[in-house]
PDB file of all heavy atoms in Angstrom:
ATOM      1  N   ALA A   1       5.560 -36.447   5.150  1.00  0.00           N
ATOM      2  CA  ALA A   1       5.031 -35.472   6.109  1.00  0.00           C
ATOM      3  C   ALA A   1       5.789 -34.152   6.041  1.00  0.00           C
ATOM      4  O   ALA A   1       5.197 -33.070   6.148  1.00  0.00           O
ATOM      5  CB  ALA A   1       5.093 -36.046   7.521  1.00  0.00           C
ATOM      6  N   THR A   2       7.109 -34.235   5.860  1.00  0.00           N
ATOM      7  CA  THR A   2       7.918 -33.015   5.764  1.00  0.00           C
ATOM      8  C   THR A   2       7.522 -32.197   4.540  1.00  0.00           C
ATOM      9  O   THR A   2       7.365 -30.968   4.615  1.00  0.00           O
ATOM     10  CB  THR A   2       9.416 -33.369   5.699  1.00  0.00           C
ATOM     11  OG1 THR A   2       9.789 -34.047   6.908  1.00  0.00           O
ATOM     12  CG2 THR A   2      10.259 -32.113   5.541  1.00  0.00           C
ATOM     13  N   SER A   3       7.345 -32.881   3.412  1.00  0.00           N
ATOM     14  CA  SER A   3       6.949 -32.166   2.195  1.00  0.00           C
ATOM     15  C   SER A   3       5.537 -31.601   2.324  1.00  0.00           C
ATOM     16  O   SER A   3       5.243 -30.513   1.818  1.00  0.00           O
ATOM     17  CB  SER A   3       7.044 -33.087   0.978  1.00  0.00           C
ATOM     18  OG  SER A   3       6.054 -34.101   1.020  1.00  0.00           O
ATOM     19  N   ALA A   4       4.655 -32.337   3.021  1.00  0.00           N
ATOM     20  CA  ALA A   4       3.280 -31.862   3.211  1.00  0.00           C
ATOM     21  C   ALA A   4       3.245 -30.613   4.088  1.00  0.00           C
ATOM     22  O   ALA A   4       2.496 -29.665   3.817  1.00  0.00           O
ATOM     23  CB  ALA A   4       2.430 -32.963   3.840  1.00  0.00           C
ATOM     24  N   ALA A   5       4.071 -30.601   5.139  1.00  0.00           N
ATOM     25  CA  ALA A   5       4.119 -29.430   6.023  1.00  0.00           C
ATOM     26  C   ALA A   5       4.619 -28.207   5.266  1.00  0.00           C
ATOM     27  O   ALA A   5       4.119 -27.092   5.448  1.00  0.00           O
ATOM     28  CB  ALA A   5       5.010 -29.717   7.228  1.00  0.00           C
ATOM     29  N   SER A   6       5.615 -28.423   4.403  1.00  0.00           N
ATOM     30  CA  SER A   6       6.138 -27.323   3.599  1.00  0.00           C
ATOM     31  C   SER A   6       5.068 -26.803   2.639  1.00  0.00           C
ATOM     32  O   SER A   6       4.918 -25.592   2.456  1.00  0.00           O
ATOM     33  CB  SER A   6       7.371 -27.787   2.824  1.00  0.00           C
ATOM     34  OG  SER A   6       7.868 -26.763   1.999  1.00  0.00           O
ATOM     35  N   LEU A   7       4.325 -27.716   2.039  1.00  0.00           N
ATOM     36  CA  LEU A   7       3.266 -27.308   1.114  1.00  0.00           C
ATOM     37  C   LEU A   7       2.168 -26.546   1.848  1.00  0.00           C
ATOM     38  O   LEU A   7       1.670 -25.523   1.355  1.00  0.00           O
ATOM     39  CB  LEU A   7       2.689 -28.530   0.408  1.00  0.00           C
ATOM     40  CG  LEU A   7       1.537 -28.260  -0.568  1.00  0.00           C
ATOM     41  CD1 LEU A   7       1.958 -27.254  -1.638  1.00  0.00           C
ATOM     42  CD2 LEU A   7       1.062 -29.558  -1.206  1.00  0.00           C
ATOM     43  N   GLN A   8       1.787 -27.027   3.020  1.00  0.00           N
ATOM     44  CA  GLN A   8       0.750 -26.331   3.790  1.00  0.00           C
ATOM     45  C   GLN A   8       1.210 -24.925   4.159  1.00  0.00           C
ATOM     46  O   GLN A   8       0.432 -23.961   4.098  1.00  0.00           O
ATOM     47  CB  GLN A   8       0.423 -27.120   5.055  1.00  0.00           C
ATOM     48  CG  GLN A   8      -0.698 -26.522   5.899  1.00  0.00           C
ATOM     49  CD  GLN A   8      -2.015 -26.474   5.158  1.00  0.00           C
ATOM     50  OE1 GLN A   8      -2.549 -27.509   4.756  1.00  0.00           O
ATOM     51  NE2 GLN A   8      -2.564 -25.284   4.954  1.00  0.00           N
ATOM     52  N   GLY A   9       2.486 -24.812   4.521  1.00  0.00           N
ATOM     53  CA  GLY A   9       3.020 -23.487   4.840  1.00  0.00           C
ATOM     54  C   GLY A   9       3.016 -22.561   3.643  1.00  0.00           C
ATOM     55  O   GLY A   9       2.685 -21.374   3.767  1.00  0.00           O
ATOM     56  N   SER A  10       3.372 -23.082   2.484  1.00  0.00           N
ATOM     57  CA  SER A  10       3.389 -22.254   1.279  1.00  0.00           C
ATOM     58  C   SER A  10       1.972 -21.860   0.875  1.00  0.00           C
ATOM     59  O   SER A  10       1.748 -20.760   0.365  1.00  0.00           O
ATOM     60  CB  SER A  10       4.093 -22.983   0.138  1.00  0.00           C
ATOM     61  OG  SER A  10       3.328 -24.081  -0.327  1.00  0.00           O
ATOM     62  N   LEU A  11       1.025 -22.758   1.093  1.00  0.00           N
ATOM     63  CA  LEU A  11      -0.376 -22.438   0.809  1.00  0.00           C
ATOM     64  C   LEU A  11      -0.859 -21.296   1.702  1.00  0.00           C
ATOM     65  O   LEU A  11      -1.480 -20.337   1.234  1.00  0.00           O
ATOM     66  CB  LEU A  11      -1.251 -23.668   1.025  1.00  0.00           C
ATOM     67  CG  LEU A  11      -2.772 -23.454   0.994  1.00  0.00           C
ATOM     68  CD1 LEU A  11      -3.227 -22.973  -0.378  1.00  0.00           C
ATOM     69  CD2 LEU A  11      -3.504 -24.740   1.385  1.00  0.00           C
ATOM     70  N   THR A  12      -0.548 -21.388   2.986  1.00  0.00           N
ATOM     71  CA  THR A  12      -0.943 -20.341   3.931  1.00  0.00           C
ATOM     72  C   THR A  12      -0.325 -19.002   3.545  1.00  0.00           C
ATOM     73  O   THR A  12      -0.989 -17.953   3.576  1.00  0.00           O
ATOM     74  CB  THR A  12      -0.517 -20.732   5.355  1.00  0.00           C
ATOM     75  OG1 THR A  12      -1.155 -21.959   5.723  1.00  0.00           O
ATOM     76  CG2 THR A  12      -0.884 -19.648   6.354  1.00  0.00           C
ATOM     77  N   ALA A  13       0.960 -19.038   3.152  1.00  0.00           N
ATOM     78  CA  ALA A  13       1.648 -17.807   2.771  1.00  0.00           C
ATOM     79  C   ALA A  13       1.049 -17.213   1.506  1.00  0.00           C
ATOM     80  O   ALA A  13       0.856 -15.994   1.402  1.00  0.00           O
ATOM     81  CB  ALA A  13       3.137 -18.085   2.568  1.00  0.00           C
ATOM     82  N   ARG A  14       0.732 -18.063   0.541  1.00  0.00           N
ATOM     83  CA  ARG A  14       0.165 -17.566  -0.716  1.00  0.00           C
ATOM     84  C   ARG A  14      -1.215 -16.978  -0.497  1.00  0.00           C
ATOM     85  O   ARG A  14      -1.557 -15.909  -1.036  1.00  0.00           O
ATOM     86  CB  ARG A  14       0.114 -18.691  -1.738  1.00  0.00           C
ATOM     87  CG  ARG A  14      -0.206 -18.247  -3.164  1.00  0.00           C
ATOM     88  CD  ARG A  14      -1.669 -18.419  -3.492  1.00  0.00           C
ATOM     89  NE  ARG A  14      -2.067 -19.804  -3.390  1.00  0.00           N
ATOM     90  CZ  ARG A  14      -3.340 -20.192  -3.328  1.00  0.00           C
ATOM     91  NH1 ARG A  14      -4.305 -19.290  -3.327  1.00  0.00           N
ATOM     92  NH2 ARG A  14      -3.652 -21.468  -3.231  1.00  0.00           N
ATOM     93  N   GLU A  15      -2.039 -17.620   0.309  1.00  0.00           N
ATOM     94  CA  GLU A  15      -3.370 -17.095   0.588  1.00  0.00           C
ATOM     95  C   GLU A  15      -3.288 -15.759   1.325  1.00  0.00           C
ATOM     96  O   GLU A  15      -4.056 -14.836   1.025  1.00  0.00           O
ATOM     97  CB  GLU A  15      -4.176 -18.105   1.403  1.00  0.00           C
ATOM     98  CG  GLU A  15      -4.576 -19.342   0.610  1.00  0.00           C
ATOM     99  CD  GLU A  15      -5.319 -20.372   1.431  1.00  0.00           C
ATOM    100  OE1 GLU A  15      -5.162 -20.360   2.677  1.00  0.00           O
ATOM    101  OE2 GLU A  15      -6.046 -21.191   0.851  1.00  0.00           O
ATOM    102  N   ALA A  16      -2.354 -15.648   2.265  1.00  0.00           N
ATOM    103  CA  ALA A  16      -2.185 -14.386   2.985  1.00  0.00           C
ATOM    104  C   ALA A  16      -1.720 -13.287   2.034  1.00  0.00           C
ATOM    105  O   ALA A  16      -2.186 -12.139   2.116  1.00  0.00           O
ATOM    106  CB  ALA A  16      -1.181 -14.567   4.125  1.00  0.00           C
ATOM    107  N   ALA A  17      -0.818 -13.635   1.119  1.00  0.00           N
ATOM    108  CA  ALA A  17      -0.325 -12.655   0.151  1.00  0.00           C
ATOM    109  C   ALA A  17      -1.438 -12.205  -0.783  1.00  0.00           C
ATOM    110  O   ALA A  17      -1.539 -11.024  -1.133  1.00  0.00           O
ATOM    111  CB  ALA A  17       0.835 -13.252  -0.654  1.00  0.00           C
ATOM    112  N   GLU A  18      -2.290 -13.130  -1.193  1.00  0.00           N
ATOM    113  CA  GLU A  18      -3.415 -12.777  -2.064  1.00  0.00           C
ATOM    114  C   GLU A  18      -4.393 -11.844  -1.348  1.00  0.00           C
ATOM    115  O   GLU A  18      -4.882 -10.877  -1.943  1.00  0.00           O
ATOM    116  CB  GLU A  18      -4.143 -14.038  -2.507  1.00  0.00           C
ATOM    117  CG  GLU A  18      -3.421 -14.831  -3.576  1.00  0.00           C
ATOM    118  CD  GLU A  18      -4.227 -16.015  -4.055  1.00  0.00           C
ATOM    119  OE1 GLU A  18      -5.272 -16.323  -3.439  1.00  0.00           O
ATOM    120  OE2 GLU A  18      -3.824 -16.644  -5.053  1.00  0.00           O
ATOM    121  N   ARG A  19      -4.684 -12.135  -0.094  1.00  0.00           N
ATOM    122  CA  ARG A  19      -5.609 -11.272   0.658  1.00  0.00           C
ATOM    123  C   ARG A  19      -5.041  -9.865   0.822  1.00  0.00           C
ATOM    124  O   ARG A  19      -5.762  -8.870   0.675  1.00  0.00           O
ATOM    125  CB  ARG A  19      -5.913 -11.890   2.026  1.00  0.00           C
ATOM    126  CG  ARG A  19      -6.763 -13.152   1.966  1.00  0.00           C
ATOM    127  CD  ARG A  19      -7.326 -13.499   3.329  1.00  0.00           C
ATOM    128  NE  ARG A  19      -6.270 -13.787   4.286  1.00  0.00           N
ATOM    129  CZ  ARG A  19      -5.736 -14.988   4.469  1.00  0.00           C
ATOM    130  NH1 ARG A  19      -6.130 -16.012   3.742  1.00  0.00           N
ATOM    131  NH2 ARG A  19      -4.788 -15.174   5.374  1.00  0.00           N
ATOM    132  N   GLN A  20      -3.741  -9.795   1.130  1.00  0.00           N
ATOM    133  CA  GLN A  20      -3.116  -8.480   1.301  1.00  0.00           C
ATOM    134  C   GLN A  20      -3.139  -7.698  -0.001  1.00  0.00           C
ATOM    135  O   GLN A  20      -3.424  -6.490  -0.015  1.00  0.00           O
ATOM    136  CB  GLN A  20      -1.681  -8.652   1.808  1.00  0.00           C
ATOM    137  CG  GLN A  20      -0.934  -7.354   2.023  1.00  0.00           C
ATOM    138  CD  GLN A  20      -1.507  -6.501   3.152  1.00  0.00           C
ATOM    139  OE1 GLN A  20      -2.459  -6.889   3.833  1.00  0.00           O
ATOM    140  NE2 GLN A  20      -0.933  -5.327   3.367  1.00  0.00           N
ATOM    141  N   ALA A  21      -2.838  -8.368  -1.114  1.00  0.00           N
ATOM    142  CA  ALA A  21      -2.842  -7.689  -2.417  1.00  0.00           C
ATOM    143  C   ALA A  21      -4.249  -7.210  -2.762  1.00  0.00           C
ATOM    144  O   ALA A  21      -4.419  -6.114  -3.307  1.00  0.00           O
ATOM    145  CB  ALA A  21      -2.316  -8.627  -3.499  1.00  0.00           C
ATOM    146  N   THR A  22      -5.247  -8.005  -2.435  1.00  0.00           N
ATOM    147  CA  THR A  22      -6.635  -7.604  -2.699  1.00  0.00           C
ATOM    148  C   THR A  22      -6.992  -6.341  -1.922  1.00  0.00           C
ATOM    149  O   THR A  22      -7.604  -5.405  -2.460  1.00  0.00           O
ATOM    150  CB  THR A  22      -7.598  -8.741  -2.329  1.00  0.00           C
ATOM    151  OG1 THR A  22      -7.332  -9.876  -3.167  1.00  0.00           O
ATOM    152  CG2 THR A  22      -9.048  -8.318  -2.522  1.00  0.00           C
ATOM    153  N   LYS A  23      -6.593  -6.297  -0.667  1.00  0.00           N
ATOM    154  CA  LYS A  23      -6.877  -5.113   0.151  1.00  0.00           C
ATOM    155  C   LYS A  23      -6.171  -3.878  -0.397  1.00  0.00           C
ATOM    156  O   LYS A  23      -6.749  -2.782  -0.449  1.00  0.00           O
ATOM    157  CB  LYS A  23      -6.459  -5.361   1.602  1.00  0.00           C
ATOM    158  CG  LYS A  23      -7.308  -6.406   2.308  1.00  0.00           C
ATOM    159  CD  LYS A  23      -7.142  -6.403   3.813  1.00  0.00           C
ATOM    160  CE  LYS A  23      -5.758  -6.491   4.292  1.00  0.00           C
ATOM    161  NZ  LYS A  23      -5.639  -6.647   5.762  1.00  0.00           N
ATOM    162  N   LEU A  24      -4.924  -4.060  -0.822  1.00  0.00           N
ATOM    163  CA  LEU A  24      -4.161  -2.901  -1.310  1.00  0.00           C
ATOM    164  C   LEU A  24      -4.646  -2.442  -2.681  1.00  0.00           C
ATOM    165  O   LEU A  24      -4.510  -1.261  -3.019  1.00  0.00           O
ATOM    166  CB  LEU A  24      -2.676  -3.235  -1.332  1.00  0.00           C
ATOM    167  CG  LEU A  24      -2.047  -3.368   0.069  1.00  0.00           C
ATOM    168  CD1 LEU A  24      -0.598  -3.789  -0.019  1.00  0.00           C
ATOM    169  CD2 LEU A  24      -2.172  -2.064   0.857  1.00  0.00           C
ATOM    170  N   ARG A  25      -5.216  -3.338  -3.476  1.00  0.00           N
ATOM    171  CA  ARG A  25      -5.834  -2.897  -4.734  1.00  0.00           C
ATOM    172  C   ARG A  25      -7.026  -1.998  -4.441  1.00  0.00           C
ATOM    173  O   ARG A  25      -7.237  -0.980  -5.114  1.00  0.00           O
ATOM    174  CB  ARG A  25      -6.273  -4.112  -5.557  1.00  0.00           C
ATOM    175  CG  ARG A  25      -5.135  -4.867  -6.201  1.00  0.00           C
ATOM    176  CD  ARG A  25      -5.605  -5.963  -7.138  1.00  0.00           C
ATOM    177  NE  ARG A  25      -4.506  -6.863  -7.438  1.00  0.00           N
ATOM    178  CZ  ARG A  25      -4.327  -8.048  -6.871  1.00  0.00           C
ATOM    179  NH1 ARG A  25      -5.220  -8.506  -6.003  1.00  0.00           N
ATOM    180  NH2 ARG A  25      -3.275  -8.784  -7.189  1.00  0.00           N
ATOM    181  N   ALA A  26      -7.800  -2.386  -3.438  1.00  0.00           N
ATOM    182  CA  ALA A  26      -8.943  -1.553  -3.054  1.00  0.00           C
ATOM    183  C   ALA A  26      -8.464  -0.195  -2.552  1.00  0.00           C
ATOM    184  O   ALA A  26      -9.033   0.851  -2.903  1.00  0.00           O
ATOM    185  CB  ALA A  26      -9.761  -2.262  -1.978  1.00  0.00           C
ATOM    186  N   ARG A  27      -7.412  -0.203  -1.762  1.00  0.00           N
ATOM    187  CA  ARG A  27      -6.875   1.056  -1.223  1.00  0.00           C
ATOM    188  C   ARG A  27      -6.386   1.966  -2.353  1.00  0.00           C
ATOM    189  O   ARG A  27      -6.653   3.181  -2.343  1.00  0.00           O
ATOM    190  CB  ARG A  27      -5.733   0.739  -0.262  1.00  0.00           C
ATOM    191  CG  ARG A  27      -5.037   1.979   0.293  1.00  0.00           C
ATOM    192  CD  ARG A  27      -3.820   1.577   1.099  1.00  0.00           C
ATOM    193  NE  ARG A  27      -2.973   2.720   1.406  1.00  0.00           N
ATOM    194  CZ  ARG A  27      -1.699   2.617   1.780  1.00  0.00           C
ATOM    195  NH1 ARG A  27      -1.142   1.438   1.894  1.00  0.00           N
ATOM    196  NH2 ARG A  27      -0.993   3.691   2.034  1.00  0.00           N
ATOM    197  N   PHE A  28      -5.687   1.388  -3.328  1.00  0.00           N
ATOM    198  CA  PHE A  28      -5.173   2.185  -4.434  1.00  0.00           C
ATOM    199  C   PHE A  28      -6.314   2.743  -5.279  1.00  0.00           C
ATOM    200  O   PHE A  28      -6.242   3.873  -5.784  1.00  0.00           O
ATOM    201  CB  PHE A  28      -4.219   1.346  -5.287  1.00  0.00           C
ATOM    202  CG  PHE A  28      -3.540   2.118  -6.383  1.00  0.00           C
ATOM    203  CD1 PHE A  28      -2.990   3.370  -6.149  1.00  0.00           C
ATOM    204  CD2 PHE A  28      -3.444   1.586  -7.664  1.00  0.00           C
ATOM    205  CE1 PHE A  28      -2.350   4.083  -7.165  1.00  0.00           C
ATOM    206  CE2 PHE A  28      -2.811   2.285  -8.682  1.00  0.00           C
ATOM    207  CZ  PHE A  28      -2.271   3.535  -8.430  1.00  0.00           C
ATOM    208  N   THR A  29      -7.375   1.969  -5.436  1.00  0.00           N
ATOM    209  CA  THR A  29      -8.551   2.450  -6.166  1.00  0.00           C
ATOM    210  C   THR A  29      -9.159   3.665  -5.473  1.00  0.00           C
ATOM    211  O   THR A  29      -9.550   4.650  -6.119  1.00  0.00           O
ATOM    212  CB  THR A  29      -9.606   1.339  -6.280  1.00  0.00           C
ATOM    213  OG1 THR A  29      -9.058   0.245  -7.041  1.00  0.00           O
ATOM    214  CG2 THR A  29     -10.861   1.837  -6.989  1.00  0.00           C
TER     215      THR A  29
END
């Protein structure tokens, strides 16, 4: 369960980072 919670947190962080990068690519364009 501890490892699963860590993985879920890393997944959430990675998805948030991807969304932010996508928005900033549009802004730079």
